[in-house]
């Protein structure tokens, strides 16, 4: 009977180790984005595609953008607590800073000129 608890513990240990390794392998299989992500227009989901950016860091980036305005440089991320130069260097090639999208005008489209509406008279 003493061998039963030992084999159960061994099986349990193997299962736990298997789960730990499967979780860590999932985290490393993050596919980087095809194009650099614009810090000034990206959503949380887009930011999380960048290796090294999880939900918490994405939230901090969005909060910083909301509070201080558009990023002028990728190096501005160094102001985020917990994000150091080493980590930033790994992420840099996946990030860019561009102009934020300009708001679309809400004016209705212009009417065609009266000359364009006028049709030639038929004789």
PDB file of N, CA and C in Angstrom:
ATOM      1  N   UNK A   1       0.810  -1.200   0.000  1.00  0.00           N
ATOM      2  CA  UNK A   1       0.000   0.000   0.000  1.00  0.00           C
ATOM      3  C   UNK A   1       0.849   1.257   0.000  1.00  0.00           C
ATOM      4  N   UNK A   2       2.035   1.206   0.498  1.00  0.00           N
ATOM      5  CA  UNK A   2       2.908   2.368   0.550  1.00  0.00           C
ATOM      6  C   UNK A   2       3.311   2.811  -0.854  1.00  0.00           C
ATOM      7  N   UNK A   3       3.317   1.884  -1.820  1.00  0.00           N
ATOM      8  CA  UNK A   3       3.709   2.245  -3.182  1.00  0.00           C
ATOM      9  C   UNK A   3       2.613   3.035  -3.895  1.00  0.00           C
ATOM     10  N   UNK A   4       1.377   2.866  -3.478  1.00  0.00           N
ATOM     11  CA  UNK A   4       0.294   3.603  -4.118  1.00  0.00           C
ATOM     12  C   UNK A   4       0.429   5.109  -3.926  1.00  0.00           C
ATOM     13  N   UNK A   5       0.608   5.634  -2.725  1.00  0.00           N
ATOM     14  CA  UNK A   5       0.763   7.077  -2.570  1.00  0.00           C
ATOM     15  C   UNK A   5       2.011   7.594  -3.279  1.00  0.00           C
ATOM     16  N   UNK A   6       3.074   6.809  -3.282  1.00  0.00           N
ATOM     17  CA  UNK A   6       4.300   7.249  -3.948  1.00  0.00           C
ATOM     18  C   UNK A   6       4.057   7.373  -5.457  1.00  0.00           C
ATOM     19  N   UNK A   7       3.396   6.415  -6.068  1.00  0.00           N
ATOM     20  CA  UNK A   7       3.133   6.486  -7.509  1.00  0.00           C
ATOM     21  C   UNK A   7       2.142   7.614  -7.812  1.00  0.00           C
ATOM     22  N   UNK A   8       1.221   7.853  -6.893  1.00  0.00           N
ATOM     23  CA  UNK A   8       0.280   8.959  -7.090  1.00  0.00           C
ATOM     24  C   UNK A   8       1.017  10.292  -7.027  1.00  0.00           C
ATOM     25  N   UNK A   9       1.961  10.406  -6.082  1.00  0.00           N
ATOM     26  CA  UNK A   9       2.759  11.635  -5.996  1.00  0.00           C
ATOM     27  C   UNK A   9       3.613  11.823  -7.240  1.00  0.00           C
ATOM     28  N   UNK A  10       4.199  10.744  -7.719  1.00  0.00           N
ATOM     29  CA  UNK A  10       5.030  10.817  -8.924  1.00  0.00           C
ATOM     30  C   UNK A  10       4.186  11.257 -10.117  1.00  0.00           C
ATOM     31  N   UNK A  11       3.022  10.653 -10.262  1.00  0.00           N
ATOM     32  CA  UNK A  11       2.129  11.013 -11.363  1.00  0.00           C
ATOM     33  C   UNK A  11       1.700  12.476 -11.257  1.00  0.00           C
ATOM     34  N   UNK A  12       1.379  12.902 -10.039  1.00  0.00           N
ATOM     35  CA  UNK A  12       0.987  14.284  -9.813  1.00  0.00           C
ATOM     36  C   UNK A  12       2.131  15.238 -10.177  1.00  0.00           C
ATOM     37  N   UNK A  13       3.345  14.886  -9.771  1.00  0.00           N
ATOM     38  CA  UNK A  13       4.509  15.725 -10.085  1.00  0.00           C
ATOM     39  C   UNK A  13       4.725  15.831 -11.582  1.00  0.00           C
ATOM     40  N   UNK A  14       4.562  14.741 -12.271  1.00  0.00           N
ATOM     41  CA  UNK A  14       4.723  14.749 -13.734  1.00  0.00           C
ATOM     42  C   UNK A  14       3.664  15.638 -14.372  1.00  0.00           C
ATOM     43  N   UNK A  15       2.444  15.548 -13.892  1.00  0.00           N
ATOM     44  CA  UNK A  15       1.369  16.386 -14.436  1.00  0.00           C
ATOM     45  C   UNK A  15       1.638  17.866 -14.197  1.00  0.00           C
ATOM     46  N   UNK A  16       2.086  18.200 -13.000  1.00  0.00           N
ATOM     47  CA  UNK A  16       2.385  19.594 -12.664  1.00  0.00           C
ATOM     48  C   UNK A  16       3.510  20.120 -13.554  1.00  0.00           C
ATOM     49  N   UNK A  17       4.573  19.348 -13.694  1.00  0.00           N
ATOM     50  CA  UNK A  17       5.683  19.769 -14.549  1.00  0.00           C
ATOM     51  C   UNK A  17       5.230  19.918 -16.005  1.00  0.00           C
ATOM     52  N   UNK A  18       4.400  19.002 -16.446  1.00  0.00           N
ATOM     53  CA  UNK A  18       3.878  19.090 -17.810  1.00  0.00           C
ATOM     54  C   UNK A  18       3.082  20.364 -18.031  1.00  0.00           C
ATOM     55  N   UNK A  19       2.255  20.713 -17.054  1.00  0.00           N
ATOM     56  CA  UNK A  19       1.481  21.951 -17.155  1.00  0.00           C
ATOM     57  C   UNK A  19       2.376  23.177 -17.162  1.00  0.00           C
ATOM     58  N   UNK A  20       3.394  23.183 -16.315  1.00  0.00           N
ATOM     59  CA  UNK A  20       4.305  24.323 -16.259  1.00  0.00           C
ATOM     60  C   UNK A  20       5.025  24.508 -17.585  1.00  0.00           C
ATOM     61  N   UNK A  21       5.514  23.411 -18.150  1.00  0.00           N
ATOM     62  CA  UNK A  21       6.238  23.518 -19.415  1.00  0.00           C
ATOM     63  C   UNK A  21       5.306  23.898 -20.554  1.00  0.00           C
ATOM     64  N   UNK A  22       4.080  23.397 -20.535  1.00  0.00           N
ATOM     65  CA  UNK A  22       3.157  23.743 -21.614  1.00  0.00           C
ATOM     66  C   UNK A  22       2.774  25.225 -21.535  1.00  0.00           C
ATOM     67  N   UNK A  23       2.626  25.773 -20.330  1.00  0.00           N
ATOM     68  CA  UNK A  23       2.306  27.185 -20.168  1.00  0.00           C
ATOM     69  C   UNK A  23       3.454  28.064 -20.644  1.00  0.00           C
ATOM     70  N   UNK A  24       4.680  27.680 -20.301  1.00  0.00           N
ATOM     71  CA  UNK A  24       5.819  28.498 -20.716  1.00  0.00           C
ATOM     72  C   UNK A  24       6.031  28.405 -22.211  1.00  0.00           C
ATOM     73  N   UNK A  25       5.732  27.276 -22.823  1.00  0.00           N
ATOM     74  CA  UNK A  25       5.901  27.166 -24.269  1.00  0.00           C
ATOM     75  C   UNK A  25       4.835  27.970 -25.000  1.00  0.00           C
ATOM     76  N   UNK A  26       3.651  28.090 -24.408  1.00  0.00           N
ATOM     77  CA  UNK A  26       2.621  28.919 -25.024  1.00  0.00           C
ATOM     78  C   UNK A  26       3.025  30.384 -25.007  1.00  0.00           C
ATOM     79  N   UNK A  27       3.635  30.808 -23.935  1.00  0.00           N
ATOM     80  CA  UNK A  27       4.037  32.207 -23.812  1.00  0.00           C
ATOM     81  C   UNK A  27       5.136  32.555 -24.806  1.00  0.00           C
ATOM     82  N   UNK A  28       5.993  31.620 -25.133  1.00  0.00           N
ATOM     83  CA  UNK A  28       7.088  31.912 -26.046  1.00  0.00           C
ATOM     84  C   UNK A  28       6.671  31.781 -27.510  1.00  0.00           C
ATOM     85  N   UNK A  29       5.488  31.263 -27.798  1.00  0.00           N
ATOM     86  CA  UNK A  29       5.055  31.085 -29.174  1.00  0.00           C
ATOM     87  C   UNK A  29       4.304  32.299 -29.711  1.00  0.00           C
ATOM     88  N   UNK A  30       4.451  33.418 -29.069  1.00  0.00           N
ATOM     89  CA  UNK A  30       3.795  34.640 -29.501  1.00  0.00           C
ATOM     90  C   UNK A  30       4.357  35.048 -30.858  1.00  0.00           C
ATOM     91  N   UNK A  31       3.484  35.180 -31.847  1.00  0.00           N
ATOM     92  CA  UNK A  31       3.927  35.555 -33.187  1.00  0.00           C
ATOM     93  C   UNK A  31       4.021  37.076 -33.266  1.00  0.00           C
ATOM     94  N   UNK A  32       5.196  37.602 -33.575  1.00  0.00           N
ATOM     95  CA  UNK A  32       5.332  39.059 -33.652  1.00  0.00           C
ATOM     96  C   UNK A  32       4.524  39.619 -34.812  1.00  0.00           C
ATOM     97  N   UNK A  33       4.159  40.896 -34.744  1.00  0.00           N
ATOM     98  CA  UNK A  33       3.365  41.505 -35.819  1.00  0.00           C
ATOM     99  C   UNK A  33       4.160  41.578 -37.119  1.00  0.00           C
ATOM    100  N   UNK A  34       3.438  41.541 -38.253  1.00  0.00           N
ATOM    101  CA  UNK A  34       4.070  41.627 -39.574  1.00  0.00           C
ATOM    102  C   UNK A  34       4.701  42.995 -39.807  1.00  0.00           C
ATOM    103  N   UNK A  35       4.017  44.033 -39.333  1.00  0.00           N
ATOM    104  CA  UNK A  35       4.507  45.406 -39.484  1.00  0.00           C
ATOM    105  C   UNK A  35       4.682  46.010 -38.106  1.00  0.00           C
ATOM    106  N   UNK A  36       5.562  47.002 -37.979  1.00  0.00           N
ATOM    107  CA  UNK A  36       5.697  47.663 -36.681  1.00  0.00           C
ATOM    108  C   UNK A  36       4.369  48.275 -36.225  1.00  0.00           C
ATOM    109  N   UNK A  37       4.139  48.219 -34.937  1.00  0.00           N
ATOM    110  CA  UNK A  37       2.914  48.746 -34.330  1.00  0.00           C
ATOM    111  C   UNK A  37       3.139  50.211 -33.979  1.00  0.00           C
ATOM    112  N   UNK A  38       2.215  51.066 -34.389  1.00  0.00           N
ATOM    113  CA  UNK A  38       2.303  52.502 -34.118  1.00  0.00           C
ATOM    114  C   UNK A  38       1.816  52.766 -32.695  1.00  0.00           C
ATOM    115  N   UNK A  39       2.703  53.272 -31.863  1.00  0.00           N
ATOM    116  CA  UNK A  39       2.356  53.547 -30.469  1.00  0.00           C
ATOM    117  C   UNK A  39       1.250  54.583 -30.334  1.00  0.00           C
ATOM    118  N   UNK A  40       1.088  55.449 -31.328  1.00  0.00           N
ATOM    119  CA  UNK A  40       0.092  56.523 -31.231  1.00  0.00           C
ATOM    120  C   UNK A  40      -1.296  56.128 -31.716  1.00  0.00           C
ATOM    121  N   UNK A  41      -1.426  54.974 -32.342  1.00  0.00           N
ATOM    122  CA  UNK A  41      -2.739  54.574 -32.851  1.00  0.00           C
ATOM    123  C   UNK A  41      -3.154  53.168 -32.427  1.00  0.00           C
ATOM    124  N   UNK A  42      -2.243  52.403 -31.853  1.00  0.00           N
ATOM    125  CA  UNK A  42      -2.497  50.994 -31.550  1.00  0.00           C
ATOM    126  C   UNK A  42      -3.509  50.806 -30.430  1.00  0.00           C
ATOM    127  N   UNK A  43      -4.267  49.733 -30.558  1.00  0.00           N
ATOM    128  CA  UNK A  43      -5.177  49.309 -29.493  1.00  0.00           C
ATOM    129  C   UNK A  43      -4.397  48.413 -28.537  1.00  0.00           C
ATOM    130  N   UNK A  44      -5.009  48.071 -27.432  1.00  0.00           N
ATOM    131  CA  UNK A  44      -4.373  47.180 -26.467  1.00  0.00           C
ATOM    132  C   UNK A  44      -4.038  45.836 -27.125  1.00  0.00           C
ATOM    133  N   UNK A  45      -4.956  45.321 -27.920  1.00  0.00           N
ATOM    134  CA  UNK A  45      -4.750  44.033 -28.582  1.00  0.00           C
ATOM    135  C   UNK A  45      -3.563  44.100 -29.544  1.00  0.00           C
ATOM    136  N   UNK A  46      -3.448  45.192 -30.288  1.00  0.00           N
ATOM    137  CA  UNK A  46      -2.333  45.339 -31.220  1.00  0.00           C
ATOM    138  C   UNK A  46      -1.010  45.439 -30.471  1.00  0.00           C
ATOM    139  N   UNK A  47      -0.989  46.171 -29.374  1.00  0.00           N
ATOM    140  CA  UNK A  47       0.229  46.294 -28.588  1.00  0.00           C
ATOM    141  C   UNK A  47       0.652  44.945 -28.015  1.00  0.00           C
ATOM    142  N   UNK A  48      -0.311  44.125 -27.631  1.00  0.00           N
ATOM    143  CA  UNK A  48       0.003  42.831 -27.034  1.00  0.00           C
ATOM    144  C   UNK A  48       0.570  41.833 -28.039  1.00  0.00           C
ATOM    145  N   UNK A  49       0.516  42.134 -29.314  1.00  0.00           N
ATOM    146  CA  UNK A  49       1.141  41.279 -30.326  1.00  0.00           C
ATOM    147  C   UNK A  49       2.656  41.417 -30.286  1.00  0.00           C
ATOM    148  N   UNK A  50       3.139  42.504 -29.727  1.00  0.00           N
ATOM    149  CA  UNK A  50       4.577  42.757 -29.650  1.00  0.00           C
ATOM    150  C   UNK A  50       5.170  41.901 -28.536  1.00  0.00           C
ATOM    151  N   UNK A  51       6.203  41.100 -28.851  1.00  0.00           N
ATOM    152  CA  UNK A  51       6.845  40.317 -27.792  1.00  0.00           C
ATOM    153  C   UNK A  51       7.363  41.237 -26.686  1.00  0.00           C
ATOM    154  N   UNK A  52       7.020  40.902 -25.447  1.00  0.00           N
ATOM    155  CA  UNK A  52       7.438  41.716 -24.310  1.00  0.00           C
ATOM    156  C   UNK A  52       6.346  42.638 -23.801  1.00  0.00           C
ATOM    157  N   UNK A  53       5.225  42.721 -24.527  1.00  0.00           N
ATOM    158  CA  UNK A  53       4.111  43.557 -24.081  1.00  0.00           C
ATOM    159  C   UNK A  53       2.916  42.655 -23.785  1.00  0.00           C
ATOM    160  N   UNK A  54       2.524  42.662 -22.525  1.00  0.00           N
ATOM    161  CA  UNK A  54       1.341  41.921 -22.103  1.00  0.00           C
ATOM    162  C   UNK A  54       0.221  42.900 -21.794  1.00  0.00           C
ATOM    163  N   UNK A  55      -0.871  42.407 -21.236  1.00  0.00           N
ATOM    164  CA  UNK A  55      -2.006  43.284 -20.937  1.00  0.00           C
ATOM    165  C   UNK A  55      -1.664  44.448 -20.013  1.00  0.00           C
ATOM    166  N   UNK A  56      -0.847  44.202 -19.001  1.00  0.00           N
ATOM    167  CA  UNK A  56      -0.508  45.274 -18.043  1.00  0.00           C
ATOM    168  C   UNK A  56       0.318  46.365 -18.713  1.00  0.00           C
ATOM    169  N   UNK A  57       1.324  45.989 -19.487  1.00  0.00           N
ATOM    170  CA  UNK A  57       2.172  46.981 -20.155  1.00  0.00           C
ATOM    171  C   UNK A  57       1.378  47.719 -21.225  1.00  0.00           C
ATOM    172  N   UNK A  58       0.529  47.005 -21.953  1.00  0.00           N
ATOM    173  CA  UNK A  58      -0.306  47.657 -22.967  1.00  0.00           C
ATOM    174  C   UNK A  58      -1.192  48.711 -22.308  1.00  0.00           C
ATOM    175  N   UNK A  59      -1.749  48.387 -21.153  1.00  0.00           N
ATOM    176  CA  UNK A  59      -2.573  49.349 -20.420  1.00  0.00           C
ATOM    177  C   UNK A  59      -1.786  50.575 -19.997  1.00  0.00           C
ATOM    178  N   UNK A  60      -0.547  50.360 -19.556  1.00  0.00           N
ATOM    179  CA  UNK A  60       0.303  51.484 -19.151  1.00  0.00           C
ATOM    180  C   UNK A  60       0.641  52.373 -20.349  1.00  0.00           C
ATOM    181  N   UNK A  61       0.872  51.759 -21.503  1.00  0.00           N
ATOM    182  CA  UNK A  61       1.179  52.528 -22.720  1.00  0.00           C
ATOM    183  C   UNK A  61      -0.025  53.379 -23.110  1.00  0.00           C
ATOM    184  N   UNK A  62      -1.207  52.775 -23.095  1.00  0.00           N
ATOM    185  CA  UNK A  62      -2.418  53.526 -23.458  1.00  0.00           C
ATOM    186  C   UNK A  62      -2.681  54.656 -22.464  1.00  0.00           C
ATOM    187  N   UNK A  63      -2.454  54.390 -21.183  1.00  0.00           N
ATOM    188  CA  UNK A  63      -2.662  55.421 -20.165  1.00  0.00           C
ATOM    189  C   UNK A  63      -1.677  56.567 -20.353  1.00  0.00           C
ATOM    190  N   UNK A  64      -0.430  56.240 -20.662  1.00  0.00           N
ATOM    191  CA  UNK A  64       0.578  57.270 -20.883  1.00  0.00           C
ATOM    192  C   UNK A  64       0.203  58.127 -22.100  1.00  0.00           C
ATOM    193  N   UNK A  65      -0.269  57.476 -23.154  1.00  0.00           N
ATOM    194  CA  UNK A  65      -0.678  58.199 -24.360  1.00  0.00           C
ATOM    195  C   UNK A  65      -1.862  59.116 -24.070  1.00  0.00           C
ATOM    196  N   UNK A  66      -2.795  58.627 -23.267  1.00  0.00           N
ATOM    197  CA  UNK A  66      -3.975  59.424 -22.915  1.00  0.00           C
ATOM    198  C   UNK A  66      -3.593  60.626 -22.044  1.00  0.00           C
ATOM    199  N   UNK A  67      -2.681  60.409 -21.110  1.00  0.00           N
ATOM    200  CA  UNK A  67      -2.288  61.452 -20.168  1.00  0.00           C
ATOM    201  C   UNK A  67      -1.363  62.501 -20.777  1.00  0.00           C
ATOM    202  N   UNK A  68      -0.352  62.050 -21.510  1.00  0.00           N
ATOM    203  CA  UNK A  68       0.679  62.967 -21.995  1.00  0.00           C
ATOM    204  C   UNK A  68       0.602  63.287 -23.487  1.00  0.00           C
ATOM    205  N   UNK A  69      -0.308  62.666 -24.199  1.00  0.00           N
ATOM    206  CA  UNK A  69      -0.426  62.922 -25.628  1.00  0.00           C
ATOM    207  C   UNK A  69       0.407  61.945 -26.440  1.00  0.00           C
ATOM    208  N   UNK A  70       0.514  62.190 -27.738  1.00  0.00           N
ATOM    209  CA  UNK A  70       1.193  61.247 -28.619  1.00  0.00           C
ATOM    210  C   UNK A  70       2.674  61.080 -28.276  1.00  0.00           C
ATOM    211  N   UNK A  71       3.173  59.888 -28.542  1.00  0.00           N
ATOM    212  CA  UNK A  71       4.591  59.606 -28.340  1.00  0.00           C
ATOM    213  C   UNK A  71       5.400  60.298 -29.426  1.00  0.00           C
ATOM    214  N   UNK A  72       6.539  60.811 -29.052  1.00  0.00           N
ATOM    215  CA  UNK A  72       7.440  61.447 -30.019  1.00  0.00           C
ATOM    216  C   UNK A  72       8.532  60.480 -30.447  1.00  0.00           C
ATOM    217  N   UNK A  73       8.807  59.486 -29.596  1.00  0.00           N
ATOM    218  CA  UNK A  73       9.855  58.516 -29.860  1.00  0.00           C
ATOM    219  C   UNK A  73       9.518  57.214 -29.140  1.00  0.00           C
ATOM    220  N   UNK A  74      10.013  56.109 -29.666  1.00  0.00           N
ATOM    221  CA  UNK A  74       9.842  54.820 -28.997  1.00  0.00           C
ATOM    222  C   UNK A  74      10.531  54.867 -27.631  1.00  0.00           C
ATOM    223  N   UNK A  75      11.577  55.658 -27.517  1.00  0.00           N
ATOM    224  CA  UNK A  75      12.302  55.789 -26.247  1.00  0.00           C
ATOM    225  C   UNK A  75      11.438  56.387 -25.140  1.00  0.00           C
ATOM    226  N   UNK A  76      10.331  57.035 -25.486  1.00  0.00           N
ATOM    227  CA  UNK A  76       9.426  57.575 -24.474  1.00  0.00           C
ATOM    228  C   UNK A  76       8.887  56.466 -23.563  1.00  0.00           C
ATOM    229  N   UNK A  77       8.905  55.229 -24.051  1.00  0.00           N
ATOM    230  CA  UNK A  77       8.415  54.103 -23.251  1.00  0.00           C
ATOM    231  C   UNK A  77       9.272  53.849 -22.012  1.00  0.00           C
ATOM    232  N   UNK A  78      10.483  54.369 -22.004  1.00  0.00           N
ATOM    233  CA  UNK A  78      11.350  54.184 -20.840  1.00  0.00           C
ATOM    234  C   UNK A  78      10.776  54.852 -19.589  1.00  0.00           C
ATOM    235  N   UNK A  79       9.828  55.752 -19.775  1.00  0.00           N
ATOM    236  CA  UNK A  79       9.186  56.408 -18.631  1.00  0.00           C
ATOM    237  C   UNK A  79       8.202  55.478 -17.922  1.00  0.00           C
ATOM    238  N   UNK A  80       7.877  54.354 -18.550  1.00  0.00           N
ATOM    239  CA  UNK A  80       6.939  53.402 -17.947  1.00  0.00           C
ATOM    240  C   UNK A  80       7.682  52.554 -16.925  1.00  0.00           C
ATOM    241  N   UNK A  81       7.156  52.529 -15.734  1.00  0.00           N
ATOM    242  CA  UNK A  81       7.781  51.769 -14.655  1.00  0.00           C
ATOM    243  C   UNK A  81       7.769  50.279 -15.008  1.00  0.00           C
ATOM    244  N   UNK A  82       8.928  49.660 -14.871  1.00  0.00           N
ATOM    245  CA  UNK A  82       9.048  48.235 -15.163  1.00  0.00           C
ATOM    246  C   UNK A  82       9.523  47.944 -16.572  1.00  0.00           C
ATOM    247  N   UNK A  83       9.639  48.975 -17.383  1.00  0.00           N
ATOM    248  CA  UNK A  83      10.114  48.773 -18.751  1.00  0.00           C
ATOM    249  C   UNK A  83      11.482  49.432 -18.874  1.00  0.00           C
ATOM    250  N   UNK A  84      12.513  48.612 -18.922  1.00  0.00           N
ATOM    251  CA  UNK A  84      13.871  49.131 -18.966  1.00  0.00           C
ATOM    252  C   UNK A  84      14.464  49.107 -20.362  1.00  0.00           C
ATOM    253  N   UNK A  85      15.688  49.562 -20.462  1.00  0.00           N
ATOM    254  CA  UNK A  85      16.366  49.680 -21.754  1.00  0.00           C
ATOM    255  C   UNK A  85      16.554  48.321 -22.428  1.00  0.00           C
ATOM    256  N   UNK A  86      16.870  47.298 -21.649  1.00  0.00           N
ATOM    257  CA  UNK A  86      17.090  45.964 -22.218  1.00  0.00           C
ATOM    258  C   UNK A  86      15.818  45.423 -22.870  1.00  0.00           C
ATOM    259  N   UNK A  87      14.741  45.556 -22.155  1.00  0.00           N
ATOM    260  CA  UNK A  87      13.454  45.063 -22.657  1.00  0.00           C
ATOM    261  C   UNK A  87      13.009  45.878 -23.868  1.00  0.00           C
ATOM    262  N   UNK A  88      13.226  47.173 -23.808  1.00  0.00           N
ATOM    263  CA  UNK A  88      12.843  48.039 -24.916  1.00  0.00           C
ATOM    264  C   UNK A  88      13.619  47.681 -26.183  1.00  0.00           C
ATOM    265  N   UNK A  89      14.881  47.360 -26.048  1.00  0.00           N
ATOM    266  CA  UNK A  89      15.685  47.009 -27.218  1.00  0.00           C
ATOM    267  C   UNK A  89      15.150  45.763 -27.917  1.00  0.00           C
ATOM    268  N   UNK A  90      14.598  44.823 -27.152  1.00  0.00           N
ATOM    269  CA  UNK A  90      14.014  43.612 -27.738  1.00  0.00           C
ATOM    270  C   UNK A  90      12.716  43.920 -28.483  1.00  0.00           C
ATOM    271  N   UNK A  91      12.013  44.959 -28.046  1.00  0.00           N
ATOM    272  CA  UNK A  91      10.720  45.310 -28.637  1.00  0.00           C
ATOM    273  C   UNK A  91      10.838  46.348 -29.755  1.00  0.00           C
ATOM    274  N   UNK A  92      11.929  47.081 -29.772  1.00  0.00           N
ATOM    275  CA  UNK A  92      12.067  48.253 -30.646  1.00  0.00           C
ATOM    276  C   UNK A  92      11.735  47.977 -32.108  1.00  0.00           C
ATOM    277  N   UNK A  93      12.173  46.850 -32.641  1.00  0.00           N
ATOM    278  CA  UNK A  93      11.957  46.597 -34.071  1.00  0.00           C
ATOM    279  C   UNK A  93      10.487  46.350 -34.411  1.00  0.00           C
ATOM    280  N   UNK A  94       9.658  46.132 -33.400  1.00  0.00           N
ATOM    281  CA  UNK A  94       8.226  45.916 -33.616  1.00  0.00           C
ATOM    282  C   UNK A  94       7.388  47.159 -33.348  1.00  0.00           C
ATOM    283  N   UNK A  95       8.051  48.272 -33.007  1.00  0.00           N
ATOM    284  CA  UNK A  95       7.336  49.488 -32.636  1.00  0.00           C
ATOM    285  C   UNK A  95       7.735  50.655 -33.528  1.00  0.00           C
ATOM    286  N   UNK A  96       6.800  51.547 -33.729  1.00  0.00           N
ATOM    287  CA  UNK A  96       7.068  52.774 -34.470  1.00  0.00           C
ATOM    288  C   UNK A  96       6.240  53.889 -33.852  1.00  0.00           C
ATOM    289  N   UNK A  97       6.608  55.103 -34.197  1.00  0.00           N
ATOM    290  CA  UNK A  97       5.862  56.270 -33.732  1.00  0.00           C
ATOM    291  C   UNK A  97       5.509  57.075 -34.969  1.00  0.00           C
ATOM    292  N   UNK A  98       4.240  57.225 -35.187  1.00  0.00           N
ATOM    293  CA  UNK A  98       3.769  58.024 -36.309  1.00  0.00           C
ATOM    294  C   UNK A  98       2.750  59.009 -35.808  1.00  0.00           C
ATOM    295  N   UNK A  99       2.288  59.796 -36.711  1.00  0.00           N
ATOM    296  CA  UNK A  99       1.255  60.762 -36.323  1.00  0.00           C
ATOM    297  C   UNK A  99      -0.028  60.034 -35.998  1.00  0.00           C
ATOM    298  N   UNK A 100      -0.731  60.491 -34.986  1.00  0.00           N
ATOM    299  CA  UNK A 100      -2.043  59.905 -34.730  1.00  0.00           C
ATOM    300  C   UNK A 100      -2.972  60.242 -35.883  1.00  0.00           C
ATOM    301  N   UNK A 101      -3.905  59.377 -36.149  1.00  0.00           N
ATOM    302  CA  UNK A 101      -4.836  59.608 -37.252  1.00  0.00           C
ATOM    303  C   UNK A 101      -5.635  60.875 -36.984  1.00  0.00           C
ATOM    304  N   UNK A 102      -5.730  61.719 -37.994  1.00  0.00           N
ATOM    305  CA  UNK A 102      -6.503  62.957 -37.867  1.00  0.00           C
ATOM    306  C   UNK A 102      -7.981  62.604 -37.839  1.00  0.00           C
ATOM    307  N   UNK A 103      -8.761  63.300 -37.034  1.00  0.00           N
ATOM    308  CA  UNK A 103     -10.193  63.017 -37.010  1.00  0.00           C
ATOM    309  C   UNK A 103     -10.813  63.330 -38.362  1.00  0.00           C
ATOM    310  N   UNK A 104     -11.745  62.480 -38.767  1.00  0.00           N
ATOM    311  CA  UNK A 104     -12.397  62.675 -40.056  1.00  0.00           C
ATOM    312  C   UNK A 104     -13.367  63.840 -39.961  1.00  0.00           C
ATOM    313  N   UNK A 105     -13.402  64.686 -41.004  1.00  0.00           N
ATOM    314  CA  UNK A 105     -14.342  65.810 -40.966  1.00  0.00           C
ATOM    315  C   UNK A 105     -15.774  65.306 -41.010  1.00  0.00           C
ATOM    316  N   UNK A 106     -16.648  66.028 -40.332  1.00  0.00           N
ATOM    317  CA  UNK A 106     -18.050  65.623 -40.287  1.00  0.00           C
ATOM    318  C   UNK A 106     -18.909  66.457 -41.232  1.00  0.00           C
ATOM    319  N   UNK A 107     -18.281  67.266 -42.087  1.00  0.00           N
ATOM    320  CA  UNK A 107     -19.048  68.081 -43.030  1.00  0.00           C
ATOM    321  C   UNK A 107     -19.550  67.205 -44.158  1.00  0.00           C
ATOM    322  N   UNK A 108     -20.749  67.517 -44.670  1.00  0.00           N
ATOM    323  CA  UNK A 108     -21.293  66.718 -45.777  1.00  0.00           C
ATOM    324  C   UNK A 108     -20.476  66.967 -47.049  1.00  0.00           C
ATOM    325  N   UNK A 109     -20.500  66.033 -47.981  1.00  0.00           N
ATOM    326  CA  UNK A 109     -19.751  66.222 -49.219  1.00  0.00           C
ATOM    327  C   UNK A 109     -20.279  67.427 -49.994  1.00  0.00           C
ATOM    328  N   UNK A 110     -19.382  68.088 -50.704  1.00  0.00           N
ATOM    329  CA  UNK A 110     -19.752  69.284 -51.470  1.00  0.00           C
ATOM    330  C   UNK A 110     -20.647  68.909 -52.644  1.00  0.00           C
ATOM    331  N   UNK A 111     -21.590  69.816 -52.957  1.00  0.00           N
ATOM    332  CA  UNK A 111     -22.474  69.598 -54.105  1.00  0.00           C
ATOM    333  C   UNK A 111     -21.712  69.921 -55.378  1.00  0.00           C
ATOM    334  N   UNK A 112     -22.050  69.250 -56.474  1.00  0.00           N
ATOM    335  CA  UNK A 112     -21.400  69.596 -57.738  1.00  0.00           C
ATOM    336  C   UNK A 112     -21.779  71.006 -58.162  1.00  0.00           C
ATOM    337  N   UNK A 113     -20.883  71.640 -58.882  1.00  0.00           N
ATOM    338  CA  UNK A 113     -21.140  73.010 -59.314  1.00  0.00           C
ATOM    339  C   UNK A 113     -22.312  73.040 -60.293  1.00  0.00           C
ATOM    340  N   UNK A 114     -23.032  74.176 -60.352  1.00  0.00           N
ATOM    341  CA  UNK A 114     -24.190  74.273 -61.252  1.00  0.00           C
ATOM    342  C   UNK A 114     -23.793  74.032 -62.706  1.00  0.00           C
ATOM    343  N   UNK A 115     -22.587  74.401 -63.089  1.00  0.00           N
ATOM    344  CA  UNK A 115     -22.154  74.205 -64.471  1.00  0.00           C
ATOM    345  C   UNK A 115     -22.083  72.714 -64.800  1.00  0.00           C
ATOM    346  N   UNK A 116     -21.724  71.898 -63.844  1.00  0.00           N
ATOM    347  CA  UNK A 116     -21.627  70.471 -64.096  1.00  0.00           C
ATOM    348  C   UNK A 116     -23.010  69.848 -64.210  1.00  0.00           C
ATOM    349  N   UNK A 117     -24.018  70.448 -63.561  1.00  0.00           N
ATOM    350  CA  UNK A 117     -25.371  69.915 -63.610  1.00  0.00           C
ATOM    351  C   UNK A 117     -26.078  70.315 -64.899  1.00  0.00           C
ATOM    352  N   UNK A 118     -25.681  71.423 -65.519  1.00  0.00           N
ATOM    353  CA  UNK A 118     -26.348  71.926 -66.708  1.00  0.00           C
ATOM    354  C   UNK A 118     -26.047  71.033 -67.898  1.00  0.00           C
ATOM    355  N   UNK A 119     -27.111  70.651 -68.589  1.00  0.00           N
ATOM    356  CA  UNK A 119     -26.964  69.809 -69.764  1.00  0.00           C
ATOM    357  C   UNK A 119     -27.174  70.685 -71.013  1.00  0.00           C
ATOM    358  N   UNK A 120     -26.486  70.325 -72.078  1.00  0.00           N
ATOM    359  CA  UNK A 120     -26.682  71.132 -73.292  1.00  0.00           C
ATOM    360  C   UNK A 120     -28.114  70.978 -73.817  1.00  0.00           C
ATOM    361  N   UNK A 121     -28.624  72.068 -74.389  1.00  0.00           N
ATOM    362  CA  UNK A 121     -29.979  72.044 -74.963  1.00  0.00           C
ATOM    363  C   UNK A 121     -29.987  71.225 -76.243  1.00  0.00           C
ATOM    364  N   UNK A 122     -31.055  70.530 -76.468  1.00  0.00           N
ATOM    365  CA  UNK A 122     -31.220  69.800 -77.729  1.00  0.00           C
ATOM    366  C   UNK A 122     -31.883  70.735 -78.746  1.00  0.00           C
ATOM    367  N   UNK A 123     -31.345  70.844 -79.972  1.00  0.00           N
ATOM    368  CA  UNK A 123     -31.975  71.741 -80.967  1.00  0.00           C
ATOM    369  C   UNK A 123     -33.216  71.167 -81.570  1.00  0.00           C
TER     370      UNK A 123
END
